[in-house]
Amino acid sequence: MDPLSLAAFTAALALAVASPGPGITAVVARALGVGFRRTLPMVAGLVAGDLCYLSFAAFGLAALAQSFGMVFVVVKYLGAAYLLYLAVKLWRAPGTIGPVDADGRAGDPLRAFLAGFAITLGNPKVIVFYLALLPSIVDLENLTLLGFAELAAVVVTVLTAIAVAYAAAADRARLFFRSPRAMRLLNRGAGTMMAGAAVAVAAR
């Protein structure tokens, strides 16, 4: 596709992702609570959600997406409820040094993936970006399969790089907390952030 359009899309996407919203907040909170590695499935879920909306926009399925508006509302509230569940678990977690799983298990990648996916599907900022802003940046009517592949590659690369950077920074921050009391405070701080992300998802 046109290099200028691709560059404009990359820049717009990077700015949208880098400005913290519910998705990035959830990633940071999870990394603070359970560590970097166990946050990666959530990042993958965020990416999958973005690719869904990119597909809706690229293949003219925006009207179909709007017709299933109630489904997205249900998904949004399910995602918010799960984030609140994680927030409560983090608040109640013991002051264990090292990765403590927020949901009390050894780390369920599928749940983390679905949480990230639900957050994205219910995030109005993502909806507006792909279904309203994207058509003003990219000529979707003449978009080829190669052009779609290029856009998808940009989405995967940009979103993964930024979300992983946030998760890595949060993971490094938790290494400074060594005592059980400090870990309890960190878990509660992460729980508060997770609850804030849940409220942001549900309220928008």
N, C-alpha and C. Protein backbone atom coordinates (compact mmCIF):
# COMPACT_ATOMS: atom_id res chain seq x y z
N MET A 1 0.84 -1.19 0.00
CA MET A 1 0.00 0.00 0.00
C MET A 1 0.89 1.25 0.00
N ASP A 2 0.26 2.40 -0.12
CA ASP A 2 0.98 3.67 -0.16
C ASP A 2 1.82 3.85 1.11
N PRO A 3 3.16 4.01 0.95
CA PRO A 3 4.03 4.15 2.13
C PRO A 3 3.63 5.30 3.04
N LEU A 4 3.14 6.39 2.47
CA LEU A 4 2.74 7.53 3.28
C LEU A 4 1.55 7.18 4.16
N SER A 5 0.57 6.49 3.60
CA SER A 5 -0.60 6.07 4.38
C SER A 5 -0.21 5.08 5.47
N LEU A 6 0.70 4.17 5.13
CA LEU A 6 1.17 3.18 6.10
C LEU A 6 1.90 3.87 7.25
N ALA A 7 2.72 4.87 6.91
CA ALA A 7 3.45 5.61 7.94
C ALA A 7 2.49 6.40 8.82
N ALA A 8 1.47 7.00 8.20
CA ALA A 8 0.49 7.77 8.97
C ALA A 8 -0.29 6.85 9.91
N PHE A 9 -0.64 5.67 9.42
CA PHE A 9 -1.35 4.70 10.25
C PHE A 9 -0.48 4.24 11.42
N THR A 10 0.79 3.98 11.14
CA THR A 10 1.72 3.54 12.19
C THR A 10 1.85 4.60 13.28
N ALA A 11 2.02 5.86 12.87
CA ALA A 11 2.17 6.94 13.83
C ALA A 11 0.90 7.13 14.66
N ALA A 12 -0.26 7.11 13.99
CA ALA A 12 -1.52 7.29 14.70
C ALA A 12 -1.76 6.15 15.68
N LEU A 13 -1.46 4.93 15.26
CA LEU A 13 -1.66 3.77 16.14
C LEU A 13 -0.72 3.84 17.34
N ALA A 14 0.54 4.20 17.09
CA ALA A 14 1.51 4.28 18.19
C ALA A 14 1.07 5.32 19.22
N LEU A 15 0.58 6.45 18.77
CA LEU A 15 0.11 7.48 19.70
C LEU A 15 -1.11 7.00 20.49
N ALA A 16 -2.02 6.32 19.80
CA ALA A 16 -3.23 5.82 20.46
C ALA A 16 -2.90 4.77 21.51
N VAL A 17 -1.99 3.87 21.17
CA VAL A 17 -1.64 2.79 22.10
C VAL A 17 -0.81 3.30 23.27
N ALA A 18 0.13 4.22 22.98
CA ALA A 18 1.03 4.71 24.03
C ALA A 18 0.31 5.55 25.07
N SER A 19 -0.81 6.19 24.69
CA SER A 19 -1.57 6.95 25.68
C SER A 19 -2.36 5.94 26.52
N PRO A 20 -2.02 5.83 27.81
CA PRO A 20 -2.59 4.75 28.64
C PRO A 20 -4.11 4.79 28.68
N GLY A 21 -4.70 3.65 28.41
CA GLY A 21 -6.13 3.46 28.52
C GLY A 21 -6.39 2.22 29.34
N PRO A 22 -7.60 1.67 29.30
CA PRO A 22 -7.90 0.47 30.08
C PRO A 22 -6.98 -0.71 29.76
N GLY A 23 -6.63 -0.90 28.49
CA GLY A 23 -5.78 -2.03 28.12
C GLY A 23 -4.39 -1.95 28.73
N ILE A 24 -3.73 -0.81 28.54
CA ILE A 24 -2.38 -0.64 29.08
C ILE A 24 -2.41 -0.66 30.61
N THR A 25 -3.44 -0.07 31.21
CA THR A 25 -3.56 -0.08 32.66
C THR A 25 -3.67 -1.51 33.18
N ALA A 26 -4.47 -2.33 32.51
CA ALA A 26 -4.61 -3.73 32.91
C ALA A 26 -3.30 -4.49 32.75
N VAL A 27 -2.56 -4.21 31.68
CA VAL A 27 -1.28 -4.87 31.45
C VAL A 27 -0.29 -4.51 32.56
N VAL A 28 -0.21 -3.23 32.89
CA VAL A 28 0.71 -2.79 33.95
C VAL A 28 0.32 -3.42 35.28
N ALA A 29 -0.99 -3.40 35.59
CA ALA A 29 -1.44 -3.96 36.86
C ALA A 29 -1.14 -5.45 36.94
N ARG A 30 -1.35 -6.16 35.85
CA ARG A 30 -1.08 -7.61 35.86
C ARG A 30 0.41 -7.87 35.99
N ALA A 31 1.23 -7.11 35.29
CA ALA A 31 2.68 -7.29 35.40
C ALA A 31 3.17 -7.01 36.81
N LEU A 32 2.59 -6.00 37.45
CA LEU A 32 2.95 -5.71 38.84
C LEU A 32 2.55 -6.86 39.76
N GLY A 33 1.42 -7.48 39.45
CA GLY A 33 0.91 -8.52 40.33
C GLY A 33 1.48 -9.90 40.09
N VAL A 34 1.71 -10.26 38.83
CA VAL A 34 2.11 -11.64 38.53
C VAL A 34 3.41 -11.75 37.75
N GLY A 35 3.99 -10.63 37.35
CA GLY A 35 5.26 -10.68 36.63
C GLY A 35 5.09 -10.57 35.12
N PHE A 36 6.22 -10.41 34.46
CA PHE A 36 6.25 -10.14 33.02
C PHE A 36 5.72 -11.31 32.20
N ARG A 37 6.26 -12.50 32.44
CA ARG A 37 5.92 -13.65 31.58
C ARG A 37 4.43 -13.95 31.58
N ARG A 38 3.80 -13.87 32.75
CA ARG A 38 2.39 -14.21 32.85
C ARG A 38 1.48 -13.11 32.33
N THR A 39 2.07 -12.00 31.96
CA THR A 39 1.29 -10.90 31.38
C THR A 39 1.21 -11.02 29.86
N LEU A 40 2.13 -11.77 29.26
CA LEU A 40 2.19 -11.85 27.80
C LEU A 40 0.90 -12.37 27.17
N PRO A 41 0.20 -13.37 27.75
CA PRO A 41 -1.08 -13.79 27.13
C PRO A 41 -2.10 -12.66 27.09
N MET A 42 -2.11 -11.79 28.09
CA MET A 42 -3.03 -10.65 28.06
C MET A 42 -2.68 -9.71 26.92
N VAL A 43 -1.38 -9.49 26.70
CA VAL A 43 -0.93 -8.67 25.58
C VAL A 43 -1.40 -9.28 24.26
N ALA A 44 -1.29 -10.61 24.15
CA ALA A 44 -1.75 -11.29 22.94
C ALA A 44 -3.25 -11.10 22.74
N GLY A 45 -4.01 -11.09 23.83
CA GLY A 45 -5.45 -10.85 23.73
C GLY A 45 -5.77 -9.45 23.24
N LEU A 46 -5.00 -8.46 23.73
CA LEU A 46 -5.18 -7.09 23.25
C LEU A 46 -4.93 -7.00 21.75
N VAL A 47 -3.86 -7.66 21.30
CA VAL A 47 -3.51 -7.64 19.88
C VAL A 47 -4.61 -8.31 19.05
N ALA A 48 -5.12 -9.43 19.53
CA ALA A 48 -6.19 -10.14 18.81
C ALA A 48 -7.44 -9.27 18.68
N GLY A 49 -7.76 -8.55 19.73
CA GLY A 49 -8.93 -7.65 19.67
C GLY A 49 -8.74 -6.56 18.64
N ASP A 50 -7.53 -5.97 18.60
CA ASP A 50 -7.27 -4.93 17.61
C ASP A 50 -7.36 -5.49 16.20
N LEU A 51 -6.87 -6.70 16.00
CA LEU A 51 -6.94 -7.31 14.67
C LEU A 51 -8.38 -7.57 14.25
N CYS A 52 -9.25 -7.86 15.20
CA CYS A 52 -10.68 -8.04 14.89
C CYS A 52 -11.27 -6.73 14.35
N TYR A 53 -11.00 -5.64 15.05
CA TYR A 53 -11.55 -4.36 14.60
C TYR A 53 -10.91 -3.90 13.29
N LEU A 54 -9.63 -4.19 13.10
CA LEU A 54 -9.00 -3.88 11.82
C LEU A 54 -9.70 -4.65 10.70
N SER A 55 -10.03 -5.91 10.96
CA SER A 55 -10.73 -6.72 9.95
C SER A 55 -12.12 -6.15 9.65
N PHE A 56 -12.83 -5.73 10.72
CA PHE A 56 -14.14 -5.13 10.52
C PHE A 56 -14.04 -3.91 9.59
N ALA A 57 -13.06 -3.07 9.87
CA ALA A 57 -12.91 -1.84 9.08
C ALA A 57 -12.46 -2.15 7.65
N ALA A 58 -11.50 -3.06 7.50
CA ALA A 58 -10.91 -3.33 6.19
C ALA A 58 -11.88 -4.05 5.26
N PHE A 59 -12.72 -4.92 5.81
CA PHE A 59 -13.60 -5.73 4.97
C PHE A 59 -15.05 -5.25 4.99
N GLY A 60 -15.22 -3.98 5.41
CA GLY A 60 -16.56 -3.40 5.36
C GLY A 60 -17.54 -4.03 6.30
N LEU A 61 -17.07 -4.53 7.44
CA LEU A 61 -17.96 -5.18 8.39
C LEU A 61 -18.36 -4.28 9.54
N ALA A 62 -18.11 -2.98 9.39
CA ALA A 62 -18.44 -2.05 10.46
C ALA A 62 -19.93 -2.09 10.79
N ALA A 63 -20.77 -2.16 9.74
CA ALA A 63 -22.22 -2.21 9.97
C ALA A 63 -22.60 -3.48 10.71
N LEU A 64 -21.92 -4.59 10.36
CA LEU A 64 -22.19 -5.85 11.05
C LEU A 64 -21.79 -5.74 12.52
N ALA A 65 -20.66 -5.12 12.76
CA ALA A 65 -20.20 -4.94 14.14
C ALA A 65 -21.21 -4.11 14.93
N GLN A 66 -21.76 -3.08 14.30
CA GLN A 66 -22.72 -2.23 14.98
C GLN A 66 -24.03 -2.98 15.24
N SER A 67 -24.38 -3.89 14.33
CA SER A 67 -25.62 -4.65 14.52
C SER A 67 -25.51 -5.63 15.67
N PHE A 68 -24.27 -5.99 16.02
CA PHE A 68 -24.04 -6.86 17.17
C PHE A 68 -23.60 -6.04 18.38
N GLY A 69 -24.10 -4.80 18.44
CA GLY A 69 -23.70 -3.90 19.52
C GLY A 69 -23.94 -4.47 20.90
N MET A 70 -25.08 -5.18 21.10
CA MET A 70 -25.39 -5.73 22.42
C MET A 70 -24.39 -6.81 22.81
N VAL A 71 -23.91 -7.56 21.83
CA VAL A 71 -22.90 -8.58 22.12
C VAL A 71 -21.64 -7.93 22.67
N PHE A 72 -21.22 -6.82 22.05
CA PHE A 72 -20.01 -6.14 22.51
C PHE A 72 -20.22 -5.52 23.88
N VAL A 73 -21.46 -5.08 24.17
CA VAL A 73 -21.75 -4.54 25.49
C VAL A 73 -21.61 -5.65 26.54
N VAL A 74 -22.14 -6.83 26.23
CA VAL A 74 -22.03 -7.96 27.16
C VAL A 74 -20.57 -8.33 27.37
N VAL A 75 -19.80 -8.41 26.28
CA VAL A 75 -18.39 -8.73 26.38
C VAL A 75 -17.66 -7.69 27.22
N LYS A 76 -18.04 -6.42 27.03
CA LYS A 76 -17.41 -5.34 27.79
C LYS A 76 -17.62 -5.54 29.29
N TYR A 77 -18.85 -5.83 29.69
CA TYR A 77 -19.13 -5.98 31.12
C TYR A 77 -18.53 -7.26 31.68
N LEU A 78 -18.46 -8.31 30.87
CA LEU A 78 -17.78 -9.53 31.32
C LEU A 78 -16.30 -9.26 31.56
N GLY A 79 -15.69 -8.50 30.65
CA GLY A 79 -14.28 -8.16 30.81
C GLY A 79 -14.06 -7.31 32.05
N ALA A 80 -14.96 -6.34 32.29
CA ALA A 80 -14.85 -5.48 33.47
C ALA A 80 -15.02 -6.30 34.75
N ALA A 81 -15.97 -7.25 34.73
CA ALA A 81 -16.19 -8.10 35.91
C ALA A 81 -14.96 -8.94 36.21
N TYR A 82 -14.33 -9.47 35.16
CA TYR A 82 -13.13 -10.29 35.38
C TYR A 82 -11.99 -9.45 35.94
N LEU A 83 -11.85 -8.23 35.44
CA LEU A 83 -10.81 -7.34 35.97
C LEU A 83 -11.07 -7.04 37.45
N LEU A 84 -12.33 -6.83 37.82
CA LEU A 84 -12.66 -6.60 39.23
C LEU A 84 -12.33 -7.83 40.07
N TYR A 85 -12.60 -9.01 39.52
CA TYR A 85 -12.26 -10.26 40.21
C TYR A 85 -10.75 -10.33 40.46
N LEU A 86 -9.96 -10.01 39.45
CA LEU A 86 -8.51 -10.00 39.62
C LEU A 86 -8.08 -8.95 40.63
N ALA A 87 -8.74 -7.80 40.61
CA ALA A 87 -8.40 -6.74 41.56
C ALA A 87 -8.60 -7.21 42.99
N VAL A 88 -9.72 -7.89 43.25
CA VAL A 88 -9.99 -8.40 44.60
C VAL A 88 -8.94 -9.42 45.00
N LYS A 89 -8.58 -10.31 44.07
CA LYS A 89 -7.57 -11.33 44.37
C LYS A 89 -6.23 -10.68 44.70
N LEU A 90 -5.88 -9.64 43.96
CA LEU A 90 -4.62 -8.94 44.25
C LEU A 90 -4.65 -8.29 45.63
N TRP A 91 -5.78 -7.69 45.97
CA TRP A 91 -5.91 -7.05 47.28
C TRP A 91 -5.74 -8.07 48.41
N ARG A 92 -6.24 -9.30 48.17
CA ARG A 92 -6.21 -10.33 49.22
C ARG A 92 -4.96 -11.21 49.16
N ALA A 93 -4.11 -10.97 48.16
CA ALA A 93 -2.92 -11.80 48.01
C ALA A 93 -1.96 -11.59 49.19
N PRO A 94 -1.27 -12.67 49.63
CA PRO A 94 -0.30 -12.52 50.71
C PRO A 94 0.94 -11.79 50.23
N GLY A 95 1.74 -11.34 51.15
CA GLY A 95 2.95 -10.60 50.78
C GLY A 95 4.08 -11.52 50.38
N THR A 96 3.82 -12.32 49.36
CA THR A 96 4.82 -13.29 48.90
C THR A 96 5.82 -12.61 47.98
N ILE A 97 7.09 -12.91 48.19
CA ILE A 97 8.12 -12.37 47.32
C ILE A 97 8.20 -13.24 46.07
N GLY A 98 8.17 -12.60 44.92
CA GLY A 98 8.19 -13.33 43.66
C GLY A 98 6.82 -13.27 43.03
N PRO A 99 6.65 -13.89 41.84
CA PRO A 99 5.39 -13.79 41.12
C PRO A 99 4.26 -14.46 41.88
N VAL A 100 3.24 -13.72 42.15
CA VAL A 100 2.04 -14.27 42.77
C VAL A 100 0.91 -14.15 41.77
N ASP A 101 0.27 -15.27 41.46
CA ASP A 101 -0.80 -15.23 40.47
C ASP A 101 -2.02 -14.55 41.04
N ALA A 102 -2.53 -13.57 40.30
CA ALA A 102 -3.65 -12.77 40.79
C ALA A 102 -4.91 -13.59 40.97
N ASP A 103 -5.09 -14.64 40.18
CA ASP A 103 -6.33 -15.40 40.33
C ASP A 103 -6.12 -16.69 41.10
N GLY A 104 -5.00 -16.77 41.82
CA GLY A 104 -4.80 -17.88 42.75
C GLY A 104 -4.35 -19.17 42.10
N ARG A 105 -4.10 -19.18 40.83
CA ARG A 105 -3.63 -20.39 40.15
C ARG A 105 -2.21 -20.18 39.68
N ALA A 106 -1.66 -21.23 39.08
CA ALA A 106 -0.28 -21.15 38.61
C ALA A 106 -0.15 -20.24 37.41
N GLY A 107 -1.27 -19.71 36.95
CA GLY A 107 -1.22 -18.81 35.81
C GLY A 107 -1.97 -19.42 34.64
N ASP A 108 -3.15 -18.95 34.37
CA ASP A 108 -3.98 -19.49 33.29
C ASP A 108 -3.84 -18.60 32.07
N PRO A 109 -3.04 -18.99 31.08
CA PRO A 109 -2.83 -18.14 29.91
C PRO A 109 -4.12 -17.84 29.14
N LEU A 110 -5.02 -18.83 29.08
CA LEU A 110 -6.26 -18.63 28.32
C LEU A 110 -7.11 -17.54 28.96
N ARG A 111 -7.22 -17.57 30.29
CA ARG A 111 -8.00 -16.53 30.98
C ARG A 111 -7.38 -15.15 30.75
N ALA A 112 -6.07 -15.08 30.84
CA ALA A 112 -5.40 -13.80 30.63
C ALA A 112 -5.62 -13.31 29.19
N PHE A 113 -5.54 -14.23 28.23
CA PHE A 113 -5.77 -13.88 26.83
C PHE A 113 -7.19 -13.36 26.63
N LEU A 114 -8.18 -14.08 27.17
CA LEU A 114 -9.57 -13.68 27.00
C LEU A 114 -9.86 -12.35 27.70
N ALA A 115 -9.19 -12.12 28.82
CA ALA A 115 -9.36 -10.83 29.51
C ALA A 115 -8.87 -9.69 28.62
N GLY A 116 -7.68 -9.85 28.03
CA GLY A 116 -7.15 -8.83 27.13
C GLY A 116 -8.05 -8.63 25.91
N PHE A 117 -8.56 -9.74 25.38
CA PHE A 117 -9.44 -9.69 24.21
C PHE A 117 -10.73 -8.94 24.54
N ALA A 118 -11.32 -9.26 25.71
CA ALA A 118 -12.57 -8.61 26.12
C ALA A 118 -12.36 -7.12 26.38
N ILE A 119 -11.23 -6.77 26.97
CA ILE A 119 -10.93 -5.36 27.23
C ILE A 119 -10.92 -4.58 25.92
N THR A 120 -10.26 -5.14 24.91
CA THR A 120 -10.16 -4.45 23.62
C THR A 120 -11.53 -4.34 22.94
N LEU A 121 -12.30 -5.43 22.94
CA LEU A 121 -13.60 -5.40 22.28
C LEU A 121 -14.54 -4.39 22.93
N GLY A 122 -14.36 -4.15 24.22
CA GLY A 122 -15.23 -3.22 24.91
C GLY A 122 -14.66 -1.83 25.09
N ASN A 123 -13.52 -1.56 24.47
CA ASN A 123 -12.85 -0.27 24.63
C ASN A 123 -13.28 0.69 23.53
N PRO A 124 -14.05 1.73 23.88
CA PRO A 124 -14.52 2.67 22.85
C PRO A 124 -13.39 3.35 22.10
N LYS A 125 -12.24 3.56 22.75
CA LYS A 125 -11.12 4.21 22.06
C LYS A 125 -10.66 3.37 20.87
N VAL A 126 -10.65 2.06 21.05
CA VAL A 126 -10.26 1.16 19.96
C VAL A 126 -11.31 1.17 18.86
N ILE A 127 -12.57 1.15 19.27
CA ILE A 127 -13.67 1.16 18.29
C ILE A 127 -13.61 2.42 17.43
N VAL A 128 -13.44 3.57 18.08
CA VAL A 128 -13.38 4.84 17.34
C VAL A 128 -12.18 4.86 16.41
N PHE A 129 -11.04 4.35 16.89
CA PHE A 129 -9.84 4.40 16.06
C PHE A 129 -10.02 3.61 14.77
N TYR A 130 -10.52 2.38 14.88
CA TYR A 130 -10.60 1.52 13.69
C TYR A 130 -11.84 1.78 12.82
N LEU A 131 -12.96 2.09 13.43
CA LEU A 131 -14.19 2.24 12.65
C LEU A 131 -14.48 3.67 12.23
N ALA A 132 -13.78 4.64 12.83
CA ALA A 132 -14.02 6.05 12.48
C ALA A 132 -12.77 6.74 11.97
N LEU A 133 -11.66 6.58 12.70
CA LEU A 133 -10.43 7.28 12.32
C LEU A 133 -9.69 6.60 11.18
N LEU A 134 -9.61 5.28 11.22
CA LEU A 134 -8.85 4.55 10.20
C LEU A 134 -9.28 4.88 8.76
N PRO A 135 -10.59 4.94 8.47
CA PRO A 135 -10.99 5.25 7.09
C PRO A 135 -10.51 6.62 6.60
N SER A 136 -10.21 7.54 7.54
CA SER A 136 -9.71 8.85 7.13
C SER A 136 -8.20 8.83 6.88
N ILE A 137 -7.54 7.75 7.30
CA ILE A 137 -6.09 7.62 7.12
C ILE A 137 -5.75 6.73 5.94
N VAL A 138 -6.51 5.66 5.80
CA VAL A 138 -6.23 4.65 4.78
C VAL A 138 -7.42 4.55 3.82
N ASP A 139 -7.12 4.42 2.54
CA ASP A 139 -8.16 4.24 1.52
C ASP A 139 -8.63 2.79 1.57
N LEU A 140 -9.63 2.53 2.39
CA LEU A 140 -10.08 1.15 2.61
C LEU A 140 -10.79 0.58 1.39
N GLU A 141 -11.38 1.44 0.55
CA GLU A 141 -12.11 0.94 -0.61
C GLU A 141 -11.18 0.27 -1.62
N ASN A 142 -9.93 0.72 -1.67
CA ASN A 142 -8.97 0.14 -2.61
C ASN A 142 -7.89 -0.68 -1.89
N LEU A 143 -8.19 -1.10 -0.68
CA LEU A 143 -7.22 -1.87 0.10
C LEU A 143 -7.12 -3.30 -0.44
N THR A 144 -5.91 -3.73 -0.74
CA THR A 144 -5.68 -5.09 -1.23
C THR A 144 -5.38 -6.01 -0.05
N LEU A 145 -5.33 -7.31 -0.33
CA LEU A 145 -4.98 -8.27 0.71
C LEU A 145 -3.57 -8.01 1.23
N LEU A 146 -2.67 -7.62 0.32
CA LEU A 146 -1.30 -7.29 0.74
C LEU A 146 -1.32 -6.07 1.65
N GLY A 147 -2.13 -5.06 1.29
CA GLY A 147 -2.24 -3.88 2.12
C GLY A 147 -2.79 -4.21 3.50
N PHE A 148 -3.80 -5.10 3.54
CA PHE A 148 -4.35 -5.51 4.83
C PHE A 148 -3.28 -6.23 5.66
N ALA A 149 -2.50 -7.09 5.00
CA ALA A 149 -1.44 -7.81 5.70
C ALA A 149 -0.42 -6.83 6.28
N GLU A 150 -0.13 -5.78 5.53
CA GLU A 150 0.82 -4.77 6.03
C GLU A 150 0.25 -4.04 7.24
N LEU A 151 -1.03 -3.69 7.18
CA LEU A 151 -1.67 -3.03 8.33
C LEU A 151 -1.69 -3.96 9.54
N ALA A 152 -2.01 -5.23 9.30
CA ALA A 152 -2.04 -6.20 10.40
C ALA A 152 -0.66 -6.36 11.03
N ALA A 153 0.37 -6.38 10.19
CA ALA A 153 1.74 -6.50 10.70
C ALA A 153 2.10 -5.29 11.56
N VAL A 154 1.66 -4.12 11.14
CA VAL A 154 1.91 -2.90 11.93
C VAL A 154 1.20 -2.99 13.27
N VAL A 155 -0.06 -3.44 13.26
CA VAL A 155 -0.83 -3.57 14.50
C VAL A 155 -0.12 -4.51 15.46
N VAL A 156 0.26 -5.68 14.97
CA VAL A 156 0.93 -6.67 15.83
C VAL A 156 2.23 -6.12 16.38
N THR A 157 3.03 -5.50 15.52
CA THR A 157 4.34 -5.00 15.93
C THR A 157 4.24 -3.85 16.92
N VAL A 158 3.44 -2.83 16.57
CA VAL A 158 3.34 -1.63 17.41
C VAL A 158 2.69 -1.94 18.75
N LEU A 159 1.55 -2.62 18.72
CA LEU A 159 0.84 -2.90 19.96
C LEU A 159 1.64 -3.81 20.87
N THR A 160 2.26 -4.85 20.29
CA THR A 160 3.07 -5.75 21.10
C THR A 160 4.26 -5.03 21.71
N ALA A 161 4.95 -4.24 20.90
CA ALA A 161 6.15 -3.54 21.39
C ALA A 161 5.81 -2.59 22.54
N ILE A 162 4.75 -1.82 22.40
CA ILE A 162 4.41 -0.84 23.43
C ILE A 162 3.88 -1.53 24.69
N ALA A 163 2.99 -2.50 24.51
CA ALA A 163 2.44 -3.20 25.68
C ALA A 163 3.52 -3.98 26.42
N VAL A 164 4.42 -4.63 25.67
CA VAL A 164 5.51 -5.38 26.31
C VAL A 164 6.45 -4.43 27.05
N ALA A 165 6.68 -3.25 26.48
CA ALA A 165 7.54 -2.27 27.15
C ALA A 165 6.93 -1.84 28.48
N TYR A 166 5.63 -1.58 28.49
CA TYR A 166 4.95 -1.24 29.74
C TYR A 166 5.04 -2.38 30.74
N ALA A 167 4.80 -3.61 30.25
CA ALA A 167 4.83 -4.77 31.15
C ALA A 167 6.23 -4.98 31.72
N ALA A 168 7.25 -4.81 30.88
CA ALA A 168 8.63 -4.99 31.34
C ALA A 168 9.00 -3.95 32.39
N ALA A 169 8.56 -2.71 32.17
CA ALA A 169 8.85 -1.65 33.14
C ALA A 169 8.17 -1.94 34.47
N ALA A 170 6.92 -2.41 34.41
CA ALA A 170 6.19 -2.74 35.64
C ALA A 170 6.85 -3.92 36.35
N ASP A 171 7.30 -4.90 35.57
CA ASP A 171 7.95 -6.07 36.16
C ASP A 171 9.25 -5.68 36.85
N ARG A 172 10.01 -4.78 36.24
CA ARG A 172 11.25 -4.31 36.87
C ARG A 172 10.95 -3.54 38.15
N ALA A 173 9.85 -2.79 38.15
CA ALA A 173 9.49 -2.02 39.33
C ALA A 173 9.19 -2.93 40.51
N ARG A 174 8.56 -4.07 40.23
CA ARG A 174 8.20 -4.96 41.34
C ARG A 174 9.43 -5.63 41.96
N LEU A 175 10.55 -5.64 41.26
CA LEU A 175 11.76 -6.24 41.81
C LEU A 175 12.32 -5.42 42.99
N PHE A 176 11.92 -4.15 43.08
CA PHE A 176 12.38 -3.32 44.19
C PHE A 176 11.66 -3.66 45.49
N PHE A 177 10.58 -4.41 45.39
CA PHE A 177 9.79 -4.73 46.58
C PHE A 177 10.17 -6.13 47.06
N ARG A 178 10.91 -6.18 48.16
CA ARG A 178 11.43 -7.46 48.64
C ARG A 178 10.74 -7.96 49.89
N SER A 179 10.30 -7.08 50.76
CA SER A 179 9.70 -7.51 52.02
C SER A 179 8.24 -7.90 51.80
N PRO A 180 7.71 -8.80 52.64
CA PRO A 180 6.29 -9.16 52.51
C PRO A 180 5.36 -7.95 52.61
N ARG A 181 5.68 -7.00 53.50
CA ARG A 181 4.82 -5.82 53.63
C ARG A 181 4.83 -5.01 52.34
N ALA A 182 6.02 -4.84 51.75
CA ALA A 182 6.12 -4.10 50.50
C ALA A 182 5.36 -4.82 49.39
N MET A 183 5.44 -6.15 49.38
CA MET A 183 4.73 -6.90 48.35
C MET A 183 3.22 -6.76 48.53
N ARG A 184 2.75 -6.75 49.78
CA ARG A 184 1.32 -6.55 50.01
C ARG A 184 0.87 -5.18 49.49
N LEU A 185 1.68 -4.16 49.76
CA LEU A 185 1.35 -2.82 49.26
C LEU A 185 1.35 -2.79 47.74
N LEU A 186 2.33 -3.47 47.14
CA LEU A 186 2.40 -3.52 45.68
C LEU A 186 1.18 -4.23 45.11
N ASN A 187 0.81 -5.37 45.72
CA ASN A 187 -0.36 -6.11 45.26
C ASN A 187 -1.62 -5.26 45.35
N ARG A 188 -1.74 -4.49 46.45
CA ARG A 188 -2.92 -3.66 46.60
C ARG A 188 -2.92 -2.48 45.63
N GLY A 189 -1.73 -1.96 45.36
CA GLY A 189 -1.64 -0.91 44.34
C GLY A 189 -2.03 -1.43 42.97
N ALA A 190 -1.53 -2.65 42.65
CA ALA A 190 -1.89 -3.27 41.37
C ALA A 190 -3.38 -3.57 41.34
N GLY A 191 -3.94 -4.01 42.46
CA GLY A 191 -5.37 -4.28 42.52
C GLY A 191 -6.19 -3.03 42.29
N THR A 192 -5.74 -1.92 42.85
CA THR A 192 -6.43 -0.65 42.64
C THR A 192 -6.40 -0.24 41.17
N MET A 193 -5.23 -0.41 40.53
CA MET A 193 -5.12 -0.10 39.10
C MET A 193 -6.04 -1.00 38.28
N MET A 194 -6.09 -2.30 38.64
CA MET A 194 -6.93 -3.23 37.90
C MET A 194 -8.40 -2.85 38.06
N ALA A 195 -8.79 -2.47 39.29
CA ALA A 195 -10.17 -2.04 39.52
C ALA A 195 -10.48 -0.77 38.72
N GLY A 196 -9.50 0.14 38.65
CA GLY A 196 -9.68 1.36 37.85
C GLY A 196 -9.87 1.05 36.38
N ALA A 197 -9.10 0.07 35.88
CA ALA A 197 -9.27 -0.35 34.49
C ALA A 197 -10.65 -0.93 34.27
N ALA A 198 -11.15 -1.72 35.25
CA ALA A 198 -12.48 -2.31 35.13
C ALA A 198 -13.55 -1.22 35.07
N VAL A 199 -13.43 -0.23 35.92
CA VAL A 199 -14.39 0.88 35.93
C VAL A 199 -14.33 1.64 34.60
N ALA A 200 -13.12 1.86 34.09
CA ALA A 200 -12.97 2.57 32.82
C ALA A 200 -13.62 1.81 31.68
N VAL A 201 -13.45 0.49 31.68
CA VAL A 201 -14.07 -0.33 30.63
C VAL A 201 -15.59 -0.28 30.73
N ALA A 202 -16.12 -0.42 31.95
CA ALA A 202 -17.57 -0.48 32.13
C ALA A 202 -18.25 0.86 31.91
N ALA A 203 -17.53 1.94 32.22
CA ALA A 203 -18.17 3.26 32.17
C ALA A 203 -18.20 3.87 30.79
N ARG A 204 -17.38 3.37 29.86
CA ARG A 204 -17.30 4.01 28.55
C ARG A 204 -18.31 3.42 27.57
